[in-house]
Amino acid sequence: MNNAVSFFTGLVIGVGGTLVARDLAPALAPHARALAKHSLKLAVLGFERGREMAALASETLSDLLAEVQAELQLERRGTASSE
């Protein structure tokens, strides 16, 4: 019974949304280009920020790896000279 209620509720919401969208589409059409442009601008800014964060993480990991390699070389030299 609960599934039937959920189905009909979804159906009513879908039909109502379609009717509302049909009436609102002409009113929103003049703003669609500006909205799309703004959305794309935000997407590009988000992508650039993500790229910057990835570059910073890569640089940090690279520095950490270099430190570990340097420490390993020092440890190897220390054990080789004590033998």
Protein backbone atom coordinates (compact mmCIF):
# COMPACT_ATOMS: atom_id res chain seq x y z
CA MET A 1 0.00 0.00 0.00
CA ASN A 2 2.82 2.36 0.89
CA ASN A 3 4.44 1.83 -2.53
CA ALA A 4 1.18 2.75 -4.27
CA VAL A 5 0.92 5.95 -2.24
CA SER A 6 4.52 6.82 -3.04
CA PHE A 7 3.92 6.14 -6.73
CA PHE A 8 0.84 8.34 -6.91
CA THR A 9 2.51 11.07 -4.87
CA GLY A 10 5.44 11.06 -7.28
CA LEU A 11 3.09 11.06 -10.24
CA VAL A 12 1.13 14.05 -8.93
CA ILE A 13 4.34 15.96 -8.17
CA GLY A 14 5.68 15.18 -11.66
CA VAL A 15 2.53 16.29 -13.44
CA GLY A 16 2.26 19.40 -11.27
CA GLY A 17 5.89 20.26 -11.88
CA THR A 18 5.41 19.86 -15.62
CA LEU A 19 2.40 22.19 -15.61
CA VAL A 20 4.20 24.79 -13.52
CA ALA A 21 7.33 24.57 -15.70
CA ARG A 22 5.21 25.04 -18.82
CA ASP A 23 3.86 28.30 -17.44
CA LEU A 24 7.15 29.53 -15.99
CA ALA A 25 9.38 28.70 -18.98
CA PRO A 26 8.43 31.80 -21.03
CA ALA A 27 8.96 34.03 -18.01
CA LEU A 28 12.39 32.55 -17.27
CA ALA A 29 13.62 32.32 -20.87
CA PRO A 30 15.16 35.82 -20.97
CA HIS A 31 17.28 34.95 -17.92
CA ALA A 32 18.35 31.50 -19.13
CA ARG A 33 21.45 32.72 -20.99
CA ALA A 34 22.67 34.75 -18.04
CA LEU A 35 22.04 31.83 -15.69
CA ALA A 36 23.88 29.41 -17.99
CA LYS A 37 26.80 31.83 -18.33
CA HIS A 38 27.01 32.31 -14.57
CA SER A 39 26.85 28.55 -14.01
CA LEU A 40 29.68 27.95 -16.48
CA LYS A 41 31.74 30.68 -14.86
CA LEU A 42 31.34 29.02 -11.47
CA ALA A 43 32.26 25.64 -12.96
CA VAL A 44 35.45 27.05 -14.51
CA LEU A 45 36.41 28.76 -11.24
CA GLY A 46 35.77 25.54 -9.32
CA PHE A 47 37.86 23.55 -11.80
CA GLU A 48 40.74 26.02 -11.53
CA ARG A 49 40.59 25.91 -7.74
CA GLY A 50 40.62 22.12 -7.81
CA ARG A 51 43.61 22.15 -10.15
CA GLU A 52 45.48 24.50 -7.81
CA MET A 53 44.72 22.28 -4.82
CA ALA A 54 45.88 19.18 -6.73
CA ALA A 55 49.13 20.94 -7.70
CA LEU A 56 49.74 21.93 -4.08
CA ALA A 57 49.08 18.38 -2.87
CA SER A 58 51.40 17.00 -5.54
CA GLU A 59 54.17 19.42 -4.58
CA THR A 60 53.76 18.58 -0.89
CA LEU A 61 53.94 14.84 -1.57
CA SER A 62 56.95 15.33 -3.82
CA ASP A 63 58.76 17.25 -1.06
CA LEU A 64 57.87 14.58 1.48
CA LEU A 65 59.12 11.83 -0.82
CA ALA A 66 62.42 13.67 -1.33
CA GLU A 67 62.85 13.97 2.44
CA VAL A 68 62.18 10.27 2.96
CA GLN A 69 64.64 9.32 0.22
CA ALA A 70 67.31 11.58 1.74
CA GLU A 71 66.76 10.02 5.17
CA LEU A 72 66.99 6.51 3.71
CA GLN A 73 70.28 7.36 2.01
CA LEU A 74 71.70 8.70 5.28
CA GLU A 75 70.58 5.56 7.11
CA ARG A 76 72.17 3.33 4.47
CA ARG A 77 75.46 5.23 4.68
CA GLY A 78 75.39 4.98 8.45
CA THR A 79 74.87 1.22 8.42
CA ALA A 80 77.43 0.69 5.65
CA SER A 81 80.17 2.62 7.50
CA SER A 82 79.53 0.81 10.81
CA GLU A 83 80.05 -2.61 9.25
